[in-house]
Amino acid sequence: MISVVDYGLGNLGSILNMFRKINVPAQLVTTPEEILVADKILLPGVGAFDVAMQELARRELIEPLKHQALQARIPILGICLGMQLLG
């Protein structure tokens, strides 16, 4: 299952539709707890970097994403702004 991070920005509908069309299971995740149990993560993004970082911080998603990337070594794909946020 691919966990698509919903932090209030991004083209979530298009991403979920794409996964449906190719028969790949995907779910939206919105909480730190959901991120910490994910085994594949997609971080989408459309918009301004500063606003996106503020939203990730406000929702307390930065540390769980860091943990999954650096310690758990879970694959994370960032699309567009999502890739910039991973940097």
PDB file of N, CA and C in Angstrom:
ATOM      1  N   MET A   1       0.857  -1.182   0.000  1.00  0.00           N
ATOM      2  CA  MET A   1       0.000   0.000   0.000  1.00  0.00           C
ATOM      3  C   MET A   1       0.896   1.236   0.000  1.00  0.00           C
ATOM      4  N   ILE A   2       0.599   2.166  -0.880  1.00  0.00           N
ATOM      5  CA  ILE A   2       1.324   3.430  -0.925  1.00  0.00           C
ATOM      6  C   ILE A   2       0.560   4.444  -0.088  1.00  0.00           C
ATOM      7  N   SER A   3       1.268   5.102   0.812  1.00  0.00           N
ATOM      8  CA  SER A   3       0.672   6.132   1.660  1.00  0.00           C
ATOM      9  C   SER A   3       0.959   7.491   1.045  1.00  0.00           C
ATOM     10  N   VAL A   4      -0.083   8.204   0.670  1.00  0.00           N
ATOM     11  CA  VAL A   4       0.027   9.528   0.069  1.00  0.00           C
ATOM     12  C   VAL A   4      -0.222  10.548   1.173  1.00  0.00           C
ATOM     13  N   VAL A   5       0.782  11.384   1.432  1.00  0.00           N
ATOM     14  CA  VAL A   5       0.701  12.338   2.543  1.00  0.00           C
ATOM     15  C   VAL A   5      -0.196  13.512   2.154  1.00  0.00           C
ATOM     16  N   ASP A   6      -1.235  13.710   2.940  1.00  0.00           N
ATOM     17  CA  ASP A   6      -2.150  14.842   2.766  1.00  0.00           C
ATOM     18  C   ASP A   6      -1.823  15.875   3.833  1.00  0.00           C
ATOM     19  N   TYR A   7      -1.186  16.963   3.407  1.00  0.00           N
ATOM     20  CA  TYR A   7      -0.854  18.043   4.338  1.00  0.00           C
ATOM     21  C   TYR A   7      -1.520  19.348   3.914  1.00  0.00           C
ATOM     22  N   GLY A   8      -2.582  19.198   3.119  1.00  0.00           N
ATOM     23  CA  GLY A   8      -3.380  20.356   2.754  1.00  0.00           C
ATOM     24  C   GLY A   8      -3.022  20.978   1.418  1.00  0.00           C
ATOM     25  N   LEU A   9      -1.951  20.517   0.789  1.00  0.00           N
ATOM     26  CA  LEU A   9      -1.546  21.038  -0.516  1.00  0.00           C
ATOM     27  C   LEU A   9      -1.295  19.865  -1.447  1.00  0.00           C
ATOM     28  N   GLY A  10      -1.494  20.078  -2.704  1.00  0.00           N
ATOM     29  CA  GLY A  10      -1.154  19.024  -3.650  1.00  0.00           C
ATOM     30  C   GLY A  10      -2.331  18.586  -4.485  1.00  0.00           C
ATOM     31  N   ASN A  11      -1.999  17.789  -5.474  1.00  0.00           N
ATOM     32  CA  ASN A  11      -2.976  17.291  -6.434  1.00  0.00           C
ATOM     33  C   ASN A  11      -3.384  15.872  -6.055  1.00  0.00           C
ATOM     34  N   LEU A  12      -3.945  15.733  -4.866  1.00  0.00           N
ATOM     35  CA  LEU A  12      -4.253  14.417  -4.308  1.00  0.00           C
ATOM     36  C   LEU A  12      -5.238  13.623  -5.155  1.00  0.00           C
ATOM     37  N   GLY A  13      -6.249  14.277  -5.665  1.00  0.00           N
ATOM     38  CA  GLY A  13      -7.239  13.580  -6.478  1.00  0.00           C
ATOM     39  C   GLY A  13      -6.616  12.957  -7.714  1.00  0.00           C
ATOM     40  N   SER A  14      -5.758  13.693  -8.386  1.00  0.00           N
ATOM     41  CA  SER A  14      -5.088  13.175  -9.582  1.00  0.00           C
ATOM     42  C   SER A  14      -4.189  12.001  -9.245  1.00  0.00           C
ATOM     43  N   ILE A  15      -3.490  12.096  -8.146  1.00  0.00           N
ATOM     44  CA  ILE A  15      -2.582  11.021  -7.744  1.00  0.00           C
ATOM     45  C   ILE A  15      -3.366   9.756  -7.406  1.00  0.00           C
ATOM     46  N   LEU A  16      -4.420   9.894  -6.623  1.00  0.00           N
ATOM     47  CA  LEU A  16      -5.224   8.720  -6.269  1.00  0.00           C
ATOM     48  C   LEU A  16      -5.889   8.107  -7.502  1.00  0.00           C
ATOM     49  N   ASN A  17      -6.343   8.950  -8.434  1.00  0.00           N
ATOM     50  CA  ASN A  17      -6.925   8.439  -9.681  1.00  0.00           C
ATOM     51  C   ASN A  17      -5.906   7.646 -10.484  1.00  0.00           C
ATOM     52  N   MET A  18      -4.675   8.146 -10.541  1.00  0.00           N
ATOM     53  CA  MET A  18      -3.628   7.448 -11.271  1.00  0.00           C
ATOM     54  C   MET A  18      -3.404   6.057 -10.681  1.00  0.00           C
ATOM     55  N   PHE A  19      -3.307   5.974  -9.362  1.00  0.00           N
ATOM     56  CA  PHE A  19      -3.097   4.675  -8.728  1.00  0.00           C
ATOM     57  C   PHE A  19      -4.281   3.741  -8.980  1.00  0.00           C
ATOM     58  N   ARG A  20      -5.509   4.281  -8.935  1.00  0.00           N
ATOM     59  CA  ARG A  20      -6.692   3.460  -9.212  1.00  0.00           C
ATOM     60  C   ARG A  20      -6.644   2.878 -10.625  1.00  0.00           C
ATOM     61  N   LYS A  21      -6.264   3.731 -11.584  1.00  0.00           N
ATOM     62  CA  LYS A  21      -6.236   3.291 -12.988  1.00  0.00           C
ATOM     63  C   LYS A  21      -5.227   2.178 -13.226  1.00  0.00           C
ATOM     64  N   ILE A  22      -4.153   2.153 -12.461  1.00  0.00           N
ATOM     65  CA  ILE A  22      -3.144   1.105 -12.659  1.00  0.00           C
ATOM     66  C   ILE A  22      -3.248   0.006 -11.594  1.00  0.00           C
ATOM     67  N   ASN A  23      -4.357   0.024 -10.865  1.00  0.00           N
ATOM     68  CA  ASN A  23      -4.644  -1.009  -9.854  1.00  0.00           C
ATOM     69  C   ASN A  23      -3.565  -1.139  -8.778  1.00  0.00           C
ATOM     70  N   VAL A  24      -3.097   0.004  -8.300  1.00  0.00           N
ATOM     71  CA  VAL A  24      -2.129   0.025  -7.201  1.00  0.00           C
ATOM     72  C   VAL A  24      -2.839   0.577  -5.970  1.00  0.00           C
ATOM     73  N   PRO A  25      -2.837  -0.167  -4.862  1.00  0.00           N
ATOM     74  CA  PRO A  25      -3.502   0.319  -3.656  1.00  0.00           C
ATOM     75  C   PRO A  25      -2.783   1.539  -3.069  1.00  0.00           C
ATOM     76  N   ALA A  26      -3.566   2.561  -2.768  1.00  0.00           N
ATOM     77  CA  ALA A  26      -3.023   3.783  -2.172  1.00  0.00           C
ATOM     78  C   ALA A  26      -4.043   4.340  -1.195  1.00  0.00           C
ATOM     79  N   GLN A  27      -3.533   5.024  -0.177  1.00  0.00           N
ATOM     80  CA  GLN A  27      -4.406   5.639   0.824  1.00  0.00           C
ATOM     81  C   GLN A  27      -3.841   6.996   1.214  1.00  0.00           C
ATOM     82  N   LEU A  28      -4.731   7.905   1.599  1.00  0.00           N
ATOM     83  CA  LEU A  28      -4.289   9.187   2.139  1.00  0.00           C
ATOM     84  C   LEU A  28      -3.912   9.001   3.598  1.00  0.00           C
ATOM     85  N   VAL A  29      -2.816   9.636   4.006  1.00  0.00           N
ATOM     86  CA  VAL A  29      -2.435   9.647   5.419  1.00  0.00           C
ATOM     87  C   VAL A  29      -2.301  11.095   5.863  1.00  0.00           C
ATOM     88  N   THR A  30      -2.733  11.364   7.090  1.00  0.00           N
ATOM     89  CA  THR A  30      -2.759  12.743   7.576  1.00  0.00           C
ATOM     90  C   THR A  30      -2.101  12.918   8.933  1.00  0.00           C
ATOM     91  N   THR A  31      -1.742  11.822   9.586  1.00  0.00           N
ATOM     92  CA  THR A  31      -1.229  11.926  10.955  1.00  0.00           C
ATOM     93  C   THR A  31       0.189  11.368  11.060  1.00  0.00           C
ATOM     94  N   PRO A  32       0.924  11.807  12.084  1.00  0.00           N
ATOM     95  CA  PRO A  32       2.256  11.242  12.322  1.00  0.00           C
ATOM     96  C   PRO A  32       2.205   9.726  12.501  1.00  0.00           C
ATOM     97  N   GLU A  33       1.188   9.244  13.188  1.00  0.00           N
ATOM     98  CA  GLU A  33       1.071   7.808  13.455  1.00  0.00           C
ATOM     99  C   GLU A  33       0.922   7.007  12.162  1.00  0.00           C
ATOM    100  N   GLU A  34       0.140   7.535  11.236  1.00  0.00           N
ATOM    101  CA  GLU A  34      -0.039   6.844   9.955  1.00  0.00           C
ATOM    102  C   GLU A  34       1.261   6.816   9.154  1.00  0.00           C
ATOM    103  N   ILE A  35       2.012   7.897   9.213  1.00  0.00           N
ATOM    104  CA  ILE A  35       3.294   7.943   8.502  1.00  0.00           C
ATOM    105  C   ILE A  35       4.270   6.938   9.099  1.00  0.00           C
ATOM    106  N   LEU A  36       4.263   6.810  10.413  1.00  0.00           N
ATOM    107  CA  LEU A  36       5.221   5.923  11.081  1.00  0.00           C
ATOM    108  C   LEU A  36       4.964   4.442  10.821  1.00  0.00           C
ATOM    109  N   VAL A  37       3.788   4.081  10.338  1.00  0.00           N
ATOM    110  CA  VAL A  37       3.525   2.673  10.012  1.00  0.00           C
ATOM    111  C   VAL A  37       3.490   2.430   8.497  1.00  0.00           C
ATOM    112  N   ALA A  38       3.740   3.464   7.716  1.00  0.00           N
ATOM    113  CA  ALA A  38       3.720   3.328   6.258  1.00  0.00           C
ATOM    114  C   ALA A  38       4.949   2.564   5.776  1.00  0.00           C
ATOM    115  N   ASP A  39       4.767   1.799   4.693  1.00  0.00           N
ATOM    116  CA  ASP A  39       5.924   1.100   4.129  1.00  0.00           C
ATOM    117  C   ASP A  39       6.376   1.679   2.786  1.00  0.00           C
ATOM    118  N   LYS A  40       5.567   2.557   2.195  1.00  0.00           N
ATOM    119  CA  LYS A  40       5.927   3.319   0.996  1.00  0.00           C
ATOM    120  C   LYS A  40       5.197   4.654   1.110  1.00  0.00           C
ATOM    121  N   ILE A  41       5.922   5.747   0.865  1.00  0.00           N
ATOM    122  CA  ILE A  41       5.326   7.071   1.056  1.00  0.00           C
ATOM    123  C   ILE A  41       5.498   7.905  -0.206  1.00  0.00           C
ATOM    124  N   LEU A  42       4.431   8.601  -0.572  1.00  0.00           N
ATOM    125  CA  LEU A  42       4.480   9.561  -1.660  1.00  0.00           C
ATOM    126  C   LEU A  42       4.138  10.930  -1.076  1.00  0.00           C
ATOM    127  N   LEU A  43       5.017  11.903  -1.317  1.00  0.00           N
ATOM    128  CA  LEU A  43       4.804  13.267  -0.834  1.00  0.00           C
ATOM    129  C   LEU A  43       4.538  14.156  -2.046  1.00  0.00           C
ATOM    130  N   PRO A  44       3.268  14.481  -2.295  1.00  0.00           N
ATOM    131  CA  PRO A  44       2.949  15.322  -3.447  1.00  0.00           C
ATOM    132  C   PRO A  44       3.160  16.792  -3.097  1.00  0.00           C
ATOM    133  N   GLY A  45       2.928  17.652  -4.056  1.00  0.00           N
ATOM    134  CA  GLY A  45       3.010  19.061  -3.722  1.00  0.00           C
ATOM    135  C   GLY A  45       2.821  19.969  -4.910  1.00  0.00           C
ATOM    136  N   VAL A  46       2.021  20.973  -4.693  1.00  0.00           N
ATOM    137  CA  VAL A  46       1.830  22.058  -5.639  1.00  0.00           C
ATOM    138  C   VAL A  46       1.727  23.306  -4.787  1.00  0.00           C
ATOM    139  N   GLY A  47       2.514  24.323  -5.089  1.00  0.00           N
ATOM    140  CA  GLY A  47       2.409  25.554  -4.324  1.00  0.00           C
ATOM    141  C   GLY A  47       3.748  26.085  -3.874  1.00  0.00           C
ATOM    142  N   ALA A  48       3.717  26.881  -2.828  1.00  0.00           N
ATOM    143  CA  ALA A  48       4.902  27.569  -2.327  1.00  0.00           C
ATOM    144  C   ALA A  48       5.597  26.747  -1.242  1.00  0.00           C
ATOM    145  N   PHE A  49       6.920  26.698  -1.310  1.00  0.00           N
ATOM    146  CA  PHE A  49       7.728  25.928  -0.373  1.00  0.00           C
ATOM    147  C   PHE A  49       7.454  26.334   1.077  1.00  0.00           C
ATOM    148  N   ASP A  50       7.491  27.635   1.355  1.00  0.00           N
ATOM    149  CA  ASP A  50       7.318  28.109   2.740  1.00  0.00           C
ATOM    150  C   ASP A  50       5.972  27.687   3.327  1.00  0.00           C
ATOM    151  N   VAL A  51       4.927  27.834   2.552  1.00  0.00           N
ATOM    152  CA  VAL A  51       3.587  27.455   3.021  1.00  0.00           C
ATOM    153  C   VAL A  51       3.533  25.951   3.277  1.00  0.00           C
ATOM    154  N   ALA A  52       4.117  25.174   2.379  1.00  0.00           N
ATOM    155  CA  ALA A  52       4.108  23.719   2.532  1.00  0.00           C
ATOM    156  C   ALA A  52       4.867  23.295   3.787  1.00  0.00           C
ATOM    157  N   MET A  53       6.027  23.883   4.029  1.00  0.00           N
ATOM    158  CA  MET A  53       6.793  23.543   5.233  1.00  0.00           C
ATOM    159  C   MET A  53       6.016  23.921   6.492  1.00  0.00           C
ATOM    160  N   GLN A  54       5.341  25.061   6.455  1.00  0.00           N
ATOM    161  CA  GLN A  54       4.530  25.469   7.603  1.00  0.00           C
ATOM    162  C   GLN A  54       3.420  24.457   7.865  1.00  0.00           C
ATOM    163  N   GLU A  55       2.798  23.970   6.808  1.00  0.00           N
ATOM    164  CA  GLU A  55       1.718  22.983   6.970  1.00  0.00           C
ATOM    165  C   GLU A  55       2.255  21.658   7.501  1.00  0.00           C
ATOM    166  N   LEU A  56       3.389  21.205   6.984  1.00  0.00           N
ATOM    167  CA  LEU A  56       3.988  19.972   7.503  1.00  0.00           C
ATOM    168  C   LEU A  56       4.317  20.125   8.984  1.00  0.00           C
ATOM    169  N   ALA A  57       4.867  21.277   9.358  1.00  0.00           N
ATOM    170  CA  ALA A  57       5.223  21.523  10.761  1.00  0.00           C
ATOM    171  C   ALA A  57       3.970  21.615  11.631  1.00  0.00           C
ATOM    172  N   ARG A  58       2.964  22.329  11.158  1.00  0.00           N
ATOM    173  CA  ARG A  58       1.730  22.501  11.934  1.00  0.00           C
ATOM    174  C   ARG A  58       1.056  21.155  12.207  1.00  0.00           C
ATOM    175  N   ARG A  59       1.154  20.260  11.258  1.00  0.00           N
ATOM    176  CA  ARG A  59       0.534  18.935  11.401  1.00  0.00           C
ATOM    177  C   ARG A  59       1.474  17.912  12.038  1.00  0.00           C
ATOM    178  N   GLU A  60       2.660  18.390  12.438  1.00  0.00           N
ATOM    179  CA  GLU A  60       3.677  17.552  13.103  1.00  0.00           C
ATOM    180  C   GLU A  60       4.078  16.349  12.249  1.00  0.00           C
ATOM    181  N   LEU A  61       4.290  16.595  10.956  1.00  0.00           N
ATOM    182  CA  LEU A  61       4.633  15.518  10.033  1.00  0.00           C
ATOM    183  C   LEU A  61       6.116  15.476   9.670  1.00  0.00           C
ATOM    184  N   ILE A  62       6.868  16.513   9.998  1.00  0.00           N
ATOM    185  CA  ILE A  62       8.274  16.571   9.582  1.00  0.00           C
ATOM    186  C   ILE A  62       9.100  15.478  10.240  1.00  0.00           C
ATOM    187  N   GLU A  63       9.031  15.354  11.544  1.00  0.00           N
ATOM    188  CA  GLU A  63       9.852  14.346  12.233  1.00  0.00           C
ATOM    189  C   GLU A  63       9.496  12.918  11.827  1.00  0.00           C
ATOM    190  N   PRO A  64       8.204  12.567  11.716  1.00  0.00           N
ATOM    191  CA  PRO A  64       7.885  11.214  11.247  1.00  0.00           C
ATOM    192  C   PRO A  64       8.418  10.937   9.833  1.00  0.00           C
ATOM    193  N   LEU A  65       8.351  11.930   8.950  1.00  0.00           N
ATOM    194  CA  LEU A  65       8.898  11.741   7.607  1.00  0.00           C
ATOM    195  C   LEU A  65      10.410  11.544   7.661  1.00  0.00           C
ATOM    196  N   LYS A  66      11.087  12.349   8.473  1.00  0.00           N
ATOM    197  CA  LYS A  66      12.541  12.186   8.635  1.00  0.00           C
ATOM    198  C   LYS A  66      12.873  10.798   9.173  1.00  0.00           C
ATOM    199  N   HIS A  67      12.128  10.374  10.176  1.00  0.00           N
ATOM    200  CA  HIS A  67      12.369   9.052  10.760  1.00  0.00           C
ATOM    201  C   HIS A  67      12.225   7.958   9.702  1.00  0.00           C
ATOM    202  N   GLN A  68      11.151   8.022   8.950  1.00  0.00           N
ATOM    203  CA  GLN A  68      10.905   6.986   7.951  1.00  0.00           C
ATOM    204  C   GLN A  68      11.985   6.982   6.868  1.00  0.00           C
ATOM    205  N   ALA A  69      12.448   8.156   6.477  1.00  0.00           N
ATOM    206  CA  ALA A  69      13.467   8.244   5.423  1.00  0.00           C
ATOM    207  C   ALA A  69      14.848   7.841   5.924  1.00  0.00           C
ATOM    208  N   LEU A  70      15.244   8.355   7.076  1.00  0.00           N
ATOM    209  CA  LEU A  70      16.631   8.206   7.524  1.00  0.00           C
ATOM    210  C   LEU A  70      16.883   7.010   8.422  1.00  0.00           C
ATOM    211  N   GLN A  71      15.915   6.655   9.246  1.00  0.00           N
ATOM    212  CA  GLN A  71      16.136   5.549  10.176  1.00  0.00           C
ATOM    213  C   GLN A  71      15.459   4.264   9.714  1.00  0.00           C
ATOM    214  N   ALA A  72      14.202   4.341   9.346  1.00  0.00           N
ATOM    215  CA  ALA A  72      13.484   3.144   8.906  1.00  0.00           C
ATOM    216  C   ALA A  72      13.815   2.792   7.455  1.00  0.00           C
ATOM    217  N   ARG A  73      14.386   3.760   6.718  1.00  0.00           N
ATOM    218  CA  ARG A  73      14.796   3.551   5.322  1.00  0.00           C
ATOM    219  C   ARG A  73      13.628   3.152   4.417  1.00  0.00           C
ATOM    220  N   ILE A  74      12.468   3.739   4.697  1.00  0.00           N
ATOM    221  CA  ILE A  74      11.269   3.509   3.895  1.00  0.00           C
ATOM    222  C   ILE A  74      11.396   4.321   2.599  1.00  0.00           C
ATOM    223  N   PRO A  75      11.037   3.749   1.456  1.00  0.00           N
ATOM    224  CA  PRO A  75      11.102   4.534   0.219  1.00  0.00           C
ATOM    225  C   PRO A  75      10.078   5.666   0.229  1.00  0.00           C
ATOM    226  N   ILE A  76      10.573   6.869  -0.091  1.00  0.00           N
ATOM    227  CA  ILE A  76       9.716   8.054  -0.159  1.00  0.00           C
ATOM    228  C   ILE A  76       9.946   8.715  -1.514  1.00  0.00           C
ATOM    229  N   LEU A  77       8.854   8.972  -2.217  1.00  0.00           N
ATOM    230  CA  LEU A  77       8.914   9.667  -3.496  1.00  0.00           C
ATOM    231  C   LEU A  77       8.261  11.023  -3.335  1.00  0.00           C
ATOM    232  N   GLY A  78       8.979  12.066  -3.689  1.00  0.00           N
ATOM    233  CA  GLY A  78       8.418  13.403  -3.704  1.00  0.00           C
ATOM    234  C   GLY A  78       8.124  13.812  -5.135  1.00  0.00           C
ATOM    235  N   ILE A  79       6.947  14.349  -5.366  1.00  0.00           N
ATOM    236  CA  ILE A  79       6.578  14.836  -6.695  1.00  0.00           C
ATOM    237  C   ILE A  79       6.545  16.357  -6.652  1.00  0.00           C
ATOM    238  N   CYS A  80       7.274  16.990  -7.573  1.00  0.00           N
ATOM    239  CA  CYS A  80       7.306  18.444  -7.718  1.00  0.00           C
ATOM    240  C   CYS A  80       7.715  19.099  -6.393  1.00  0.00           C
ATOM    241  N   LEU A  81       6.851  19.887  -5.794  1.00  0.00           N
ATOM    242  CA  LEU A  81       7.169  20.527  -4.518  1.00  0.00           C
ATOM    243  C   LEU A  81       7.489  19.493  -3.445  1.00  0.00           C
ATOM    244  N   GLY A  82       6.863  18.338  -3.514  1.00  0.00           N
ATOM    245  CA  GLY A  82       7.146  17.272  -2.552  1.00  0.00           C
ATOM    246  C   GLY A  82       8.613  16.875  -2.558  1.00  0.00           C
ATOM    247  N   MET A  83       9.242  16.847  -3.733  1.00  0.00           N
ATOM    248  CA  MET A  83      10.671  16.526  -3.823  1.00  0.00           C
ATOM    249  C   MET A  83      11.500  17.631  -3.187  1.00  0.00           C
ATOM    250  N   GLN A  84      11.126  18.871  -3.406  1.00  0.00           N
ATOM    251  CA  GLN A  84      11.838  19.992  -2.791  1.00  0.00           C
ATOM    252  C   GLN A  84      11.737  19.924  -1.274  1.00  0.00           C
ATOM    253  N   LEU A  85      10.581  19.539  -0.768  1.00  0.00           N
ATOM    254  CA  LEU A  85      10.386  19.448   0.680  1.00  0.00           C
ATOM    255  C   LEU A  85      11.269  18.367   1.298  1.00  0.00           C
ATOM    256  N   LEU A  86      11.575  17.329   0.539  1.00  0.00           N
ATOM    257  CA  LEU A  86      12.430  16.258   1.052  1.00  0.00           C
ATOM    258  C   LEU A  86      13.881  16.693   1.165  1.00  0.00           C
ATOM    259  N   GLY A  87      14.258  17.742   0.415  1.00  0.00           N
ATOM    260  CA  GLY A  87      15.654  18.206   0.420  1.00  0.00           C
ATOM    261  C   GLY A  87      15.975  18.868   1.685  1.00  0.00           C
TER     262      GLY A  87
END
